[in-house]
PDB file of N, CA and C in Angstrom:
ATOM      1  N   MET A   1       0.699  -1.443  -0.121  1.00  0.00           N
ATOM      2  CA  MET A   1       0.014   0.229   0.071  1.00  0.00           C
ATOM      3  C   MET A   1       0.918   1.256  -0.048  1.00  0.00           C
ATOM      4  N   LEU A   2       0.150   2.509  -0.233  1.00  0.00           N
ATOM      5  CA  LEU A   2       1.091   3.640  -0.657  1.00  0.00           C
ATOM      6  C   LEU A   2       1.414   3.898   0.926  1.00  0.00           C
ATOM      7  N   LYS A   3       2.560   4.612   1.255  1.00  0.00           N
ATOM      8  CA  LYS A   3       3.151   4.709   2.600  1.00  0.00           C
ATOM      9  C   LYS A   3       2.771   6.197   2.930  1.00  0.00           C
ATOM     10  N   THR A   4       2.391   6.487   4.422  1.00  0.00           N
ATOM     11  CA  THR A   4       1.266   7.272   4.997  1.00  0.00           C
ATOM     12  C   THR A   4       2.760   8.434   4.682  1.00  0.00           C
ATOM     13  N   LYS A   5       3.699   8.371   5.293  1.00  0.00           N
ATOM     14  CA  LYS A   5       4.545   9.554   5.251  1.00  0.00           C
ATOM     15  C   LYS A   5       5.158  10.141   3.592  1.00  0.00           C
ATOM     16  N   LEU A   6       4.767   8.914   2.951  1.00  0.00           N
ATOM     17  CA  LEU A   6       5.165   9.695   1.762  1.00  0.00           C
ATOM     18  C   LEU A   6       3.793  10.202   0.967  1.00  0.00           C
ATOM     19  N   LEU A   7       2.690   9.919   1.290  1.00  0.00           N
ATOM     20  CA  LEU A   7       1.461  10.787   1.017  1.00  0.00           C
ATOM     21  C   LEU A   7       1.131  11.738   1.321  1.00  0.00           C
ATOM     22  N   ALA A   8       1.545  12.210   3.073  1.00  0.00           N
ATOM     23  CA  ALA A   8       1.818  13.270   3.560  1.00  0.00           C
ATOM     24  C   ALA A   8       2.340  14.401   3.133  1.00  0.00           C
ATOM     25  N   ASP A   9       3.995  13.988   2.377  1.00  0.00           N
ATOM     26  CA  ASP A   9       4.689  14.319   1.906  1.00  0.00           C
ATOM     27  C   ASP A   9       3.960  15.168   0.077  1.00  0.00           C
ATOM     28  N   PHE A  10       3.291  14.007  -0.618  1.00  0.00           N
ATOM     29  CA  PHE A  10       2.953  14.243  -1.579  1.00  0.00           C
ATOM     30  C   PHE A  10       1.594  15.136  -1.265  1.00  0.00           C
ATOM     31  N   ASP A  11       0.591  15.162  -0.536  1.00  0.00           N
ATOM     32  CA  ASP A  11      -0.115  16.343  -0.338  1.00  0.00           C
ATOM     33  C   ASP A  11       0.374  17.386   0.077  1.00  0.00           C
ATOM     34  N   ALA A  12       1.502  17.929   0.708  1.00  0.00           N
ATOM     35  CA  ALA A  12       2.042  19.001   1.147  1.00  0.00           C
ATOM     36  C   ALA A  12       2.327  19.520   0.088  1.00  0.00           C
ATOM     37  N   ALA A  13       3.025  18.700  -0.829  1.00  0.00           N
ATOM     38  CA  ALA A  13       3.776  19.504  -2.382  1.00  0.00           C
ATOM     39  C   ALA A  13       2.667  20.066  -3.223  1.00  0.00           C
ATOM     40  N   CYS A  14       1.650  19.324  -3.271  1.00  0.00           N
ATOM     41  CA  CYS A  14       0.108  19.471  -3.787  1.00  0.00           C
ATOM     42  C   CYS A  14      -0.223  20.585  -3.344  1.00  0.00           C
ATOM     43  N   ALA A  15      -0.590  21.033  -2.114  1.00  0.00           N
ATOM     44  CA  ALA A  15      -1.182  22.207  -1.356  1.00  0.00           C
ATOM     45  C   ALA A  15       0.054  23.499  -1.866  1.00  0.00           C
ATOM     46  N   GLN A  16       0.724  23.306  -1.624  1.00  0.00           N
ATOM     47  CA  GLN A  16       2.215  24.269  -1.757  1.00  0.00           C
ATOM     48  C   GLN A  16       1.790  25.152  -3.269  1.00  0.00           C
ATOM     49  N   ALA A  17       1.619  23.949  -4.122  1.00  0.00           N
ATOM     50  CA  ALA A  17       1.932  24.180  -5.263  1.00  0.00           C
ATOM     51  C   ALA A  17       0.069  24.489  -5.988  1.00  0.00           C
ATOM     52  N   GLY A  18      -0.840  24.116  -5.288  1.00  0.00           N
ATOM     53  CA  GLY A  18      -2.268  24.663  -5.335  1.00  0.00           C
ATOM     54  C   GLY A  18      -2.497  24.276  -6.306  1.00  0.00           C
ATOM     55  N   LEU A  19      -2.089  22.629  -6.512  1.00  0.00           N
ATOM     56  CA  LEU A  19      -2.975  21.896  -7.463  1.00  0.00           C
ATOM     57  C   LEU A  19      -2.905  20.539  -7.204  1.00  0.00           C
ATOM     58  N   GLN A  20      -3.896  19.750  -7.797  1.00  0.00           N
ATOM     59  CA  GLN A  20      -4.281  18.273  -7.876  1.00  0.00           C
ATOM     60  C   GLN A  20      -3.926  17.497  -8.971  1.00  0.00           C
ATOM     61  N   PRO A  21      -3.217  16.691  -9.089  1.00  0.00           N
ATOM     62  CA  PRO A  21      -2.940  16.017 -10.345  1.00  0.00           C
ATOM     63  C   PRO A  21      -4.422  14.945 -10.326  1.00  0.00           C
ATOM     64  N   ASP A  22      -3.830  14.431 -11.776  1.00  0.00           N
ATOM     65  CA  ASP A  22      -4.908  13.675 -12.400  1.00  0.00           C
ATOM     66  C   ASP A  22      -4.305  12.565 -12.322  1.00  0.00           C
ATOM     67  N   ALA A  23      -3.059  12.196 -12.834  1.00  0.00           N
ATOM     68  CA  ALA A  23      -2.498  10.684 -12.143  1.00  0.00           C
ATOM     69  C   ALA A  23      -1.040  11.004 -11.824  1.00  0.00           C
ATOM     70  N   VAL A  24      -0.936  10.348 -11.274  1.00  0.00           N
ATOM     71  CA  VAL A  24       0.890  10.289 -10.528  1.00  0.00           C
ATOM     72  C   VAL A  24       1.608   8.730 -11.261  1.00  0.00           C
ATOM     73  N   ILE A  25       2.271   8.786 -12.135  1.00  0.00           N
ATOM     74  CA  ILE A  25       3.421   7.767 -12.575  1.00  0.00           C
ATOM     75  C   ILE A  25       4.496   7.729 -11.843  1.00  0.00           C
ATOM     76  N   SER A  26       5.476   6.561 -11.324  1.00  0.00           N
ATOM     77  CA  SER A  26       6.500   6.543 -10.969  1.00  0.00           C
ATOM     78  C   SER A  26       7.220   5.190 -11.483  1.00  0.00           C
ATOM     79  N   ALA A  27       8.106   5.246 -11.359  1.00  0.00           N
ATOM     80  CA  ALA A  27       9.011   3.878 -12.222  1.00  0.00           C
ATOM     81  C   ALA A  27       9.405   3.239 -11.022  1.00  0.00           C
ATOM     82  N   HIS A  28      10.325   2.092 -11.614  1.00  0.00           N
ATOM     83  CA  HIS A  28      10.485   1.321 -10.311  1.00  0.00           C
ATOM     84  C   HIS A  28      10.973   0.082 -11.004  1.00  0.00           C
ATOM     85  N   ALA A  29      11.776  -1.186 -11.000  1.00  0.00           N
ATOM     86  CA  ALA A  29      12.729  -1.944 -11.889  1.00  0.00           C
ATOM     87  C   ALA A  29      11.954  -3.481 -11.646  1.00  0.00           C
ATOM     88  N   HIS A  30      11.516  -3.592 -10.395  1.00  0.00           N
ATOM     89  CA  HIS A  30      11.021  -4.772 -10.162  1.00  0.00           C
ATOM     90  C   HIS A  30       9.624  -5.389 -10.190  1.00  0.00           C
ATOM     91  N   ASN A  31       8.237  -4.286 -10.445  1.00  0.00           N
ATOM     92  CA  ASN A  31       6.947  -4.857 -10.400  1.00  0.00           C
ATOM     93  C   ASN A  31       6.160  -3.980 -10.961  1.00  0.00           C
ATOM     94  N   TYR A  32       4.801  -3.780 -11.316  1.00  0.00           N
ATOM     95  CA  TYR A  32       3.800  -2.767 -11.527  1.00  0.00           C
ATOM     96  C   TYR A  32       3.235  -2.830 -10.507  1.00  0.00           C
ATOM     97  N   GLN A  33       2.479  -2.108 -10.156  1.00  0.00           N
ATOM     98  CA  GLN A  33       1.532  -1.578  -9.261  1.00  0.00           C
ATOM     99  C   GLN A  33       0.551  -0.406  -9.644  1.00  0.00           C
ATOM    100  N   ARG A  34      -0.810  -0.328  -9.399  1.00  0.00           N
ATOM    101  CA  ARG A  34      -1.682   0.349  -9.473  1.00  0.00           C
ATOM    102  C   ARG A  34      -3.096   0.615  -8.456  1.00  0.00           C
ATOM    103  N   HIS A  35      -2.421   1.521  -8.026  1.00  0.00           N
ATOM    104  CA  HIS A  35      -3.431   2.239  -6.673  1.00  0.00           C
ATOM    105  C   HIS A  35      -4.140   3.514  -7.254  1.00  0.00           C
ATOM    106  N   THR A  36      -5.470   3.462  -6.313  1.00  0.00           N
ATOM    107  CA  THR A  36      -6.096   4.219  -6.685  1.00  0.00           C
ATOM    108  C   THR A  36      -6.786   5.327  -5.452  1.00  0.00           C
ATOM    109  N   ARG A  37      -6.512   6.530  -5.498  1.00  0.00           N
ATOM    110  CA  ARG A  37      -6.789   7.492  -4.228  1.00  0.00           C
ATOM    111  C   ARG A  37      -7.822   8.361  -4.431  1.00  0.00           C
ATOM    112  N   ARG A  38      -9.022   8.144  -3.749  1.00  0.00           N
ATOM    113  CA  ARG A  38      -9.931   9.245  -3.822  1.00  0.00           C
ATOM    114  C   ARG A  38      -9.407  10.703  -3.256  1.00  0.00           C
ATOM    115  N   LEU A  39      -9.518  11.659  -4.121  1.00  0.00           N
ATOM    116  CA  LEU A  39      -8.986  12.990  -3.603  1.00  0.00           C
ATOM    117  C   LEU A  39     -10.113  13.890  -3.773  1.00  0.00           C
ATOM    118  N   GLN A  40     -10.800  14.810  -3.140  1.00  0.00           N
ATOM    119  CA  GLN A  40     -11.768  15.770  -3.316  1.00  0.00           C
ATOM    120  C   GLN A  40     -12.685  15.298  -4.362  1.00  0.00           C
ATOM    121  N   GLY A  41     -13.069  14.064  -4.423  1.00  0.00           N
ATOM    122  CA  GLY A  41     -13.779  13.770  -5.038  1.00  0.00           C
ATOM    123  C   GLY A  41     -13.826  13.080  -6.648  1.00  0.00           C
ATOM    124  N   LYS A  42     -12.631  13.056  -6.607  1.00  0.00           N
ATOM    125  CA  LYS A  42     -12.050  12.615  -7.999  1.00  0.00           C
ATOM    126  C   LYS A  42     -11.223  11.401  -7.435  1.00  0.00           C
ATOM    127  N   LYS A  43     -11.029  10.194  -8.275  1.00  0.00           N
ATOM    128  CA  LYS A  43      -9.770   8.953  -8.395  1.00  0.00           C
ATOM    129  C   LYS A  43      -8.914   9.579  -8.903  1.00  0.00           C
ATOM    130  N   VAL A  44      -7.707   9.315  -8.421  1.00  0.00           N
ATOM    131  CA  VAL A  44      -6.616   9.750  -8.979  1.00  0.00           C
ATOM    132  C   VAL A  44      -5.196   8.382  -9.098  1.00  0.00           C
ATOM    133  N   PRO A  45      -5.556   7.880 -10.150  1.00  0.00           N
ATOM    134  CA  PRO A  45      -5.229   6.554 -10.242  1.00  0.00           C
ATOM    135  C   PRO A  45      -3.321   6.780  -9.902  1.00  0.00           C
ATOM    136  N   PHE A  46      -2.613   6.037  -8.933  1.00  0.00           N
ATOM    137  CA  PHE A  46      -1.162   5.758  -8.304  1.00  0.00           C
ATOM    138  C   PHE A  46      -0.696   4.789  -9.470  1.00  0.00           C
ATOM    139  N   ILE A  47       0.038   5.080 -10.219  1.00  0.00           N
ATOM    140  CA  ILE A  47       0.990   3.882 -11.675  1.00  0.00           C
ATOM    141  C   ILE A  47       2.339   3.784 -10.802  1.00  0.00           C
ATOM    142  N   VAL A  48       2.807   2.208 -10.425  1.00  0.00           N
ATOM    143  CA  VAL A  48       4.139   2.329 -10.515  1.00  0.00           C
ATOM    144  C   VAL A  48       4.657   1.471 -11.360  1.00  0.00           C
ATOM    145  N   ALA A  49       5.117   1.882 -12.450  1.00  0.00           N
ATOM    146  CA  ALA A  49       5.507   1.173 -13.770  1.00  0.00           C
ATOM    147  C   ALA A  49       6.414   0.611 -13.590  1.00  0.00           C
ATOM    148  N   GLY A  50       7.240  -0.573 -13.059  1.00  0.00           N
ATOM    149  CA  GLY A  50       8.165  -1.341 -13.222  1.00  0.00           C
ATOM    150  C   GLY A  50       8.129  -2.152 -14.428  1.00  0.00           C
ATOM    151  N   CYS A  51       9.117  -3.542 -14.059  1.00  0.00           N
ATOM    152  CA  CYS A  51       8.875  -4.779 -15.045  1.00  0.00           C
ATOM    153  C   CYS A  51       9.755  -4.676 -15.768  1.00  0.00           C
ATOM    154  N   GLY A  52      10.783  -3.461 -16.036  1.00  0.00           N
ATOM    155  CA  GLY A  52      11.594  -3.348 -17.006  1.00  0.00           C
ATOM    156  C   GLY A  52      13.161  -4.146 -16.914  1.00  0.00           C
ATOM    157  N   GLY A  53      13.324  -4.233 -15.474  1.00  0.00           N
ATOM    158  CA  GLY A  53      14.527  -4.602 -14.780  1.00  0.00           C
ATOM    159  C   GLY A  53      14.484  -5.982 -14.210  1.00  0.00           C
ATOM    160  N   HIS A  54      14.828  -5.896 -12.877  1.00  0.00           N
ATOM    161  CA  HIS A  54      14.611  -7.588 -12.287  1.00  0.00           C
ATOM    162  C   HIS A  54      13.614  -8.323 -12.387  1.00  0.00           C
ATOM    163  N   ASN A  55      12.369  -7.437 -11.940  1.00  0.00           N
ATOM    164  CA  ASN A  55      11.388  -8.391 -11.948  1.00  0.00           C
ATOM    165  C   ASN A  55      11.248  -9.550 -10.723  1.00  0.00           C
ATOM    166  N   ASP A  56      11.937  -9.169  -9.863  1.00  0.00           N
ATOM    167  CA  ASP A  56      11.785 -10.024  -8.973  1.00  0.00           C
ATOM    168  C   ASP A  56      11.111  -9.891  -7.764  1.00  0.00           C
ATOM    169  N   ALA A  57      10.316  -8.676  -7.840  1.00  0.00           N
ATOM    170  CA  ALA A  57      10.118  -8.467  -6.162  1.00  0.00           C
ATOM    171  C   ALA A  57       8.559  -8.627  -6.022  1.00  0.00           C
ATOM    172  N   ARG A  58       8.059  -9.606  -5.253  1.00  0.00           N
ATOM    173  CA  ARG A  58       6.938 -10.155  -5.078  1.00  0.00           C
ATOM    174  C   ARG A  58       5.885  -8.656  -4.569  1.00  0.00           C
ATOM    175  N   VAL A  59       4.638  -8.314  -4.550  1.00  0.00           N
ATOM    176  CA  VAL A  59       4.011  -7.596  -4.479  1.00  0.00           C
ATOM    177  C   VAL A  59       2.937  -8.152  -3.074  1.00  0.00           C
ATOM    178  N   ASP A  60       3.303  -7.494  -2.292  1.00  0.00           N
ATOM    179  CA  ASP A  60       2.326  -8.114  -0.651  1.00  0.00           C
ATOM    180  C   ASP A  60       0.924  -7.865  -0.812  1.00  0.00           C
ATOM    181  N   PRO A  61       0.483  -6.450  -0.672  1.00  0.00           N
ATOM    182  CA  PRO A  61      -0.865  -6.232  -0.529  1.00  0.00           C
ATOM    183  C   PRO A  61      -1.686  -7.343  -1.928  1.00  0.00           C
ATOM    184  N   ALA A  62      -2.981  -7.614  -1.392  1.00  0.00           N
ATOM    185  CA  ALA A  62      -3.783  -8.429  -2.162  1.00  0.00           C
ATOM    186  C   ALA A  62      -4.531  -7.328  -3.078  1.00  0.00           C
ATOM    187  N   ASP A  63      -5.004  -7.563  -4.655  1.00  0.00           N
ATOM    188  CA  ASP A  63      -5.382  -6.953  -5.010  1.00  0.00           C
ATOM    189  C   ASP A  63      -6.767  -6.571  -4.863  1.00  0.00           C
ATOM    190  N   GLY A  64      -7.103  -5.069  -4.462  1.00  0.00           N
ATOM    191  CA  GLY A  64      -8.763  -4.807  -4.498  1.00  0.00           C
ATOM    192  C   GLY A  64      -8.825  -4.516  -2.885  1.00  0.00           C
ATOM    193  N   GLN A  65      -7.483  -4.274  -1.889  1.00  0.00           N
ATOM    194  CA  GLN A  65      -7.300  -4.145  -0.478  1.00  0.00           C
ATOM    195  C   GLN A  65      -7.627  -2.841  -0.844  1.00  0.00           C
ATOM    196  N   VAL A  66      -8.439  -2.239   0.432  1.00  0.00           N
ATOM    197  CA  VAL A  66      -8.859  -0.754   0.562  1.00  0.00           C
ATOM    198  C   VAL A  66      -8.017  -0.533   2.118  1.00  0.00           C
ATOM    199  N   VAL A  67      -7.478   1.084   2.099  1.00  0.00           N
ATOM    200  CA  VAL A  67      -6.730   1.503   3.258  1.00  0.00           C
ATOM    201  C   VAL A  67      -7.161   3.086   3.123  1.00  0.00           C
ATOM    202  N   GLY A  68      -7.848   3.172   4.185  1.00  0.00           N
ATOM    203  CA  GLY A  68      -8.094   5.039   4.394  1.00  0.00           C
ATOM    204  C   GLY A  68      -8.414   5.390   3.230  1.00  0.00           C
ATOM    205  N   ASP A  69      -7.950   6.264   2.270  1.00  0.00           N
ATOM    206  CA  ASP A  69      -8.234   6.890   1.056  1.00  0.00           C
ATOM    207  C   ASP A  69      -8.172   6.594  -0.300  1.00  0.00           C
ATOM    208  N   HIS A  70      -7.243   5.086  -0.074  1.00  0.00           N
ATOM    209  CA  HIS A  70      -7.144   4.733  -1.237  1.00  0.00           C
ATOM    210  C   HIS A  70      -6.786   3.392  -1.559  1.00  0.00           C
ATOM    211  N   SER A  71      -7.366   2.830  -2.454  1.00  0.00           N
ATOM    212  CA  SER A  71      -6.909   1.017  -3.136  1.00  0.00           C
ATOM    213  C   SER A  71      -6.130   0.776  -3.571  1.00  0.00           C
ATOM    214  N   PHE A  72      -5.535  -0.620  -3.502  1.00  0.00           N
ATOM    215  CA  PHE A  72      -4.417  -1.545  -4.093  1.00  0.00           C
ATOM    216  C   PHE A  72      -5.103  -2.397  -5.035  1.00  0.00           C
ATOM    217  N   ASP A  73      -4.733  -1.621  -6.495  1.00  0.00           N
ATOM    218  CA  ASP A  73      -6.078  -2.367  -7.524  1.00  0.00           C
ATOM    219  C   ASP A  73      -5.333  -3.303  -8.559  1.00  0.00           C
ATOM    220  N   LYS A  74      -4.014  -3.320  -8.320  1.00  0.00           N
ATOM    221  CA  LYS A  74      -3.782  -4.309  -9.318  1.00  0.00           C
ATOM    222  C   LYS A  74      -2.260  -4.695  -9.493  1.00  0.00           C
ATOM    223  N   SER A  75      -1.864  -5.676  -9.306  1.00  0.00           N
ATOM    224  CA  SER A  75      -0.260  -5.977  -9.550  1.00  0.00           C
ATOM    225  C   SER A  75      -0.322  -6.789 -10.450  1.00  0.00           C
ATOM    226  N   PHE A  76       1.316  -6.654 -10.818  1.00  0.00           N
ATOM    227  CA  PHE A  76       2.055  -7.793 -11.822  1.00  0.00           C
ATOM    228  C   PHE A  76       3.319  -8.007 -11.482  1.00  0.00           C
ATOM    229  N   GLN A  77       3.823  -9.130 -11.511  1.00  0.00           N
ATOM    230  CA  GLN A  77       5.289  -9.630 -11.580  1.00  0.00           C
ATOM    231  C   GLN A  77       5.839 -10.143 -12.624  1.00  0.00           C
ATOM    232  N   GLY A  78       6.696 -10.129 -13.440  1.00  0.00           N
ATOM    233  CA  GLY A  78       7.325 -10.245 -14.766  1.00  0.00           C
ATOM    234  C   GLY A  78       7.794  -9.060 -15.426  1.00  0.00           C
ATOM    235  N   PHE A  79       7.815  -9.203 -16.814  1.00  0.00           N
ATOM    236  CA  PHE A  79       8.526  -8.117 -17.818  1.00  0.00           C
ATOM    237  C   PHE A  79       7.101  -7.457 -18.257  1.00  0.00           C
ATOM    238  N   GLY A  80       7.352  -6.368 -18.575  1.00  0.00           N
ATOM    239  CA  GLY A  80       6.305  -5.507 -19.202  1.00  0.00           C
ATOM    240  C   GLY A  80       6.770  -4.430 -19.347  1.00  0.00           C
ATOM    241  N   TYR A  81       5.360  -3.420 -19.968  1.00  0.00           N
ATOM    242  CA  TYR A  81       5.685  -1.813 -20.135  1.00  0.00           C
ATOM    243  C   TYR A  81       4.205  -1.078 -19.633  1.00  0.00           C
ATOM    244  N   LEU A  82       4.491   0.095 -19.835  1.00  0.00           N
ATOM    245  CA  LEU A  82       3.487   0.827 -19.429  1.00  0.00           C
ATOM    246  C   LEU A  82       3.184   1.806 -20.525  1.00  0.00           C
ATOM    247  N   MET A  83       1.967   1.527 -21.481  1.00  0.00           N
ATOM    248  CA  MET A  83       1.863   2.522 -22.366  1.00  0.00           C
ATOM    249  C   MET A  83       0.534   3.610 -22.322  1.00  0.00           C
ATOM    250  N   VAL A  84       1.505   5.252 -22.266  1.00  0.00           N
ATOM    251  CA  VAL A  84       0.423   6.367 -21.948  1.00  0.00           C
ATOM    252  C   VAL A  84      -0.420   6.425 -23.469  1.00  0.00           C
ATOM    253  N   THR A  85      -1.420   6.513 -23.596  1.00  0.00           N
ATOM    254  CA  THR A  85      -2.314   7.970 -24.624  1.00  0.00           C
ATOM    255  C   THR A  85      -2.958   8.688 -23.955  1.00  0.00           C
ATOM    256  N   ALA A  86      -2.442  10.073 -24.576  1.00  0.00           N
ATOM    257  CA  ALA A  86      -2.903  11.339 -24.258  1.00  0.00           C
ATOM    258  C   ALA A  86      -3.558  12.189 -25.092  1.00  0.00           C
ATOM    259  N   THR A  87      -4.849  12.618 -24.828  1.00  0.00           N
ATOM    260  CA  THR A  87      -5.585  13.389 -25.420  1.00  0.00           C
ATOM    261  C   THR A  87      -5.541  14.433 -24.754  1.00  0.00           C
ATOM    262  N   PRO A  88      -6.448  15.879 -25.389  1.00  0.00           N
ATOM    263  CA  PRO A  88      -6.721  16.955 -24.842  1.00  0.00           C
ATOM    264  C   PRO A  88      -7.783  16.376 -23.370  1.00  0.00           C
ATOM    265  N   ARG A  89      -8.702  15.338 -23.547  1.00  0.00           N
ATOM    266  CA  ARG A  89      -9.592  15.155 -23.026  1.00  0.00           C
ATOM    267  C   ARG A  89      -9.494  14.133 -22.081  1.00  0.00           C
ATOM    268  N   ARG A  90      -8.512  13.256 -22.185  1.00  0.00           N
ATOM    269  CA  ARG A  90      -8.353  11.928 -21.514  1.00  0.00           C
ATOM    270  C   ARG A  90      -7.367  11.433 -21.635  1.00  0.00           C
ATOM    271  N   LEU A  91      -6.374  10.334 -20.420  1.00  0.00           N
ATOM    272  CA  LEU A  91      -5.248  10.093 -20.234  1.00  0.00           C
ATOM    273  C   LEU A  91      -5.689   8.469 -19.963  1.00  0.00           C
ATOM    274  N   LYS A  92      -4.694   7.725 -21.031  1.00  0.00           N
ATOM    275  CA  LYS A  92      -5.396   6.295 -21.041  1.00  0.00           C
ATOM    276  C   LYS A  92      -3.805   5.832 -20.566  1.00  0.00           C
ATOM    277  N   LEU A  93      -4.334   4.780 -19.758  1.00  0.00           N
ATOM    278  CA  LEU A  93      -2.702   4.106 -18.880  1.00  0.00           C
ATOM    279  C   LEU A  93      -3.074   2.288 -19.019  1.00  0.00           C
ATOM    280  N   GLU A  94      -1.993   1.937 -19.864  1.00  0.00           N
ATOM    281  CA  GLU A  94      -2.525   0.638 -20.387  1.00  0.00           C
ATOM    282  C   GLU A  94      -0.633  -0.340 -20.161  1.00  0.00           C
ATOM    283  N   PHE A  95      -1.138  -1.422 -19.001  1.00  0.00           N
ATOM    284  CA  PHE A  95       0.249  -1.862 -18.961  1.00  0.00           C
ATOM    285  C   PHE A  95       0.122  -3.434 -19.692  1.00  0.00           C
ATOM    286  N   HIS A  96       1.221  -3.359 -20.376  1.00  0.00           N
ATOM    287  CA  HIS A  96       1.048  -4.627 -21.336  1.00  0.00           C
ATOM    288  C   HIS A  96       2.221  -5.560 -20.503  1.00  0.00           C
ATOM    289  N   GLU A  97       2.375  -6.882 -20.773  1.00  0.00           N
ATOM    290  CA  GLU A  97       3.249  -7.702 -20.115  1.00  0.00           C
ATOM    291  C   GLU A  97       3.918  -8.132 -21.487  1.00  0.00           C
ATOM    292  N   PHE A  98       5.287  -8.296 -21.496  1.00  0.00           N
ATOM    293  CA  PHE A  98       6.028  -8.536 -22.599  1.00  0.00           C
ATOM    294  C   PHE A  98       5.804  -9.818 -22.898  1.00  0.00           C
ATOM    295  N   GLY A  99       4.833  -9.785 -25.127  1.00  0.00           N
ATOM    296  CA  GLY A  99       4.640 -10.550 -25.883  1.00  0.00           C
ATOM    297  C   GLY A  99       2.985 -10.815 -25.757  1.00  0.00           C
ATOM    298  N   ALA A 100       2.383  -9.997 -24.578  1.00  0.00           N
ATOM    299  CA  ALA A 100       0.968 -10.520 -24.846  1.00  0.00           C
ATOM    300  C   ALA A 100       0.469  -9.314 -26.017  1.00  0.00           C
ATOM    301  N   LYS A 101      -0.367  -9.752 -26.196  1.00  0.00           N
ATOM    302  CA  LYS A 101      -1.363  -8.765 -27.360  1.00  0.00           C
ATOM    303  C   LYS A 101      -2.404  -7.774 -26.842  1.00  0.00           C
ATOM    304  N   ARG A 102      -3.110  -8.296 -25.552  1.00  0.00           N
ATOM    305  CA  ARG A 102      -3.688  -7.083 -24.941  1.00  0.00           C
ATOM    306  C   ARG A 102      -3.564  -6.862 -23.517  1.00  0.00           C
ATOM    307  N   PRO A 103      -3.820  -5.991 -23.321  1.00  0.00           N
ATOM    308  CA  PRO A 103      -3.347  -5.372 -21.507  1.00  0.00           C
ATOM    309  C   PRO A 103      -3.520  -5.918 -20.665  1.00  0.00           C
ATOM    310  N   ALA A 104      -2.739  -6.025 -19.608  1.00  0.00           N
ATOM    311  CA  ALA A 104      -2.677  -6.911 -18.634  1.00  0.00           C
ATOM    312  C   ALA A 104      -3.770  -5.990 -17.691  1.00  0.00           C
ATOM    313  N   ASP A 105      -3.617  -4.822 -17.627  1.00  0.00           N
ATOM    314  CA  ASP A 105      -4.543  -3.582 -17.062  1.00  0.00           C
ATOM    315  C   ASP A 105      -4.613  -2.249 -17.934  1.00  0.00           C
ATOM    316  N   SER A 106      -5.278  -1.794 -17.517  1.00  0.00           N
ATOM    317  CA  SER A 106      -5.769  -0.796 -18.015  1.00  0.00           C
ATOM    318  C   SER A 106      -6.650   0.076 -17.176  1.00  0.00           C
ATOM    319  N   THR A 107      -6.491   1.752 -17.023  1.00  0.00           N
ATOM    320  CA  THR A 107      -7.442   2.926 -16.567  1.00  0.00           C
ATOM    321  C   THR A 107      -7.523   3.840 -17.040  1.00  0.00           C
ATOM    322  N   SER A 108      -8.468   4.801 -17.273  1.00  0.00           N
ATOM    323  CA  SER A 108      -8.309   6.174 -17.796  1.00  0.00           C
ATOM    324  C   SER A 108      -8.596   7.222 -16.962  1.00  0.00           C
ATOM    325  N   VAL A 109      -8.464   8.331 -17.294  1.00  0.00           N
ATOM    326  CA  VAL A 109      -8.429   9.742 -16.419  1.00  0.00           C
ATOM    327  C   VAL A 109      -9.171  10.916 -17.519  1.00  0.00           C
ATOM    328  N   ARG A 110     -10.421  11.186 -17.166  1.00  0.00           N
ATOM    329  CA  ARG A 110     -11.023  12.291 -18.049  1.00  0.00           C
ATOM    330  C   ARG A 110      -9.975  13.184 -17.532  1.00  0.00           C
ATOM    331  N   LEU A 111      -9.570  14.405 -18.295  1.00  0.00           N
ATOM    332  CA  LEU A 111      -9.016  15.645 -17.829  1.00  0.00           C
ATOM    333  C   LEU A 111     -10.014  16.837 -17.872  1.00  0.00           C
ATOM    334  N   SER A 112      -9.529  17.411 -17.044  1.00  0.00           N
ATOM    335  CA  SER A 112     -10.546  18.611 -17.061  1.00  0.00           C
ATOM    336  C   SER A 112      -9.815  20.091 -17.693  1.00  0.00           C
TER     337      SER A 112
END
């Protein structure tokens, strides 16, 4: 799950900047994770796009677990990549397992 201290630091940075993100994408070498956080009535995906490196890190939380204002929605251990498609109105995030024809996970955000 997302770490409480990290979320507090993130919230402080957003408050200081006077903005709220539509999505948060970070990188990691060992696995893929998608969390959803509910902020000000909006669902914000937090993506850890790994799977390009060692792919040996097991993901502990169970998919679907909810803690506080966020949920752990999806995880993957193995090789893969994230494809981001952006239009003026929508951000689409698709995780693809290496060699697969269809996305292993997908989410989208309506942009304001």
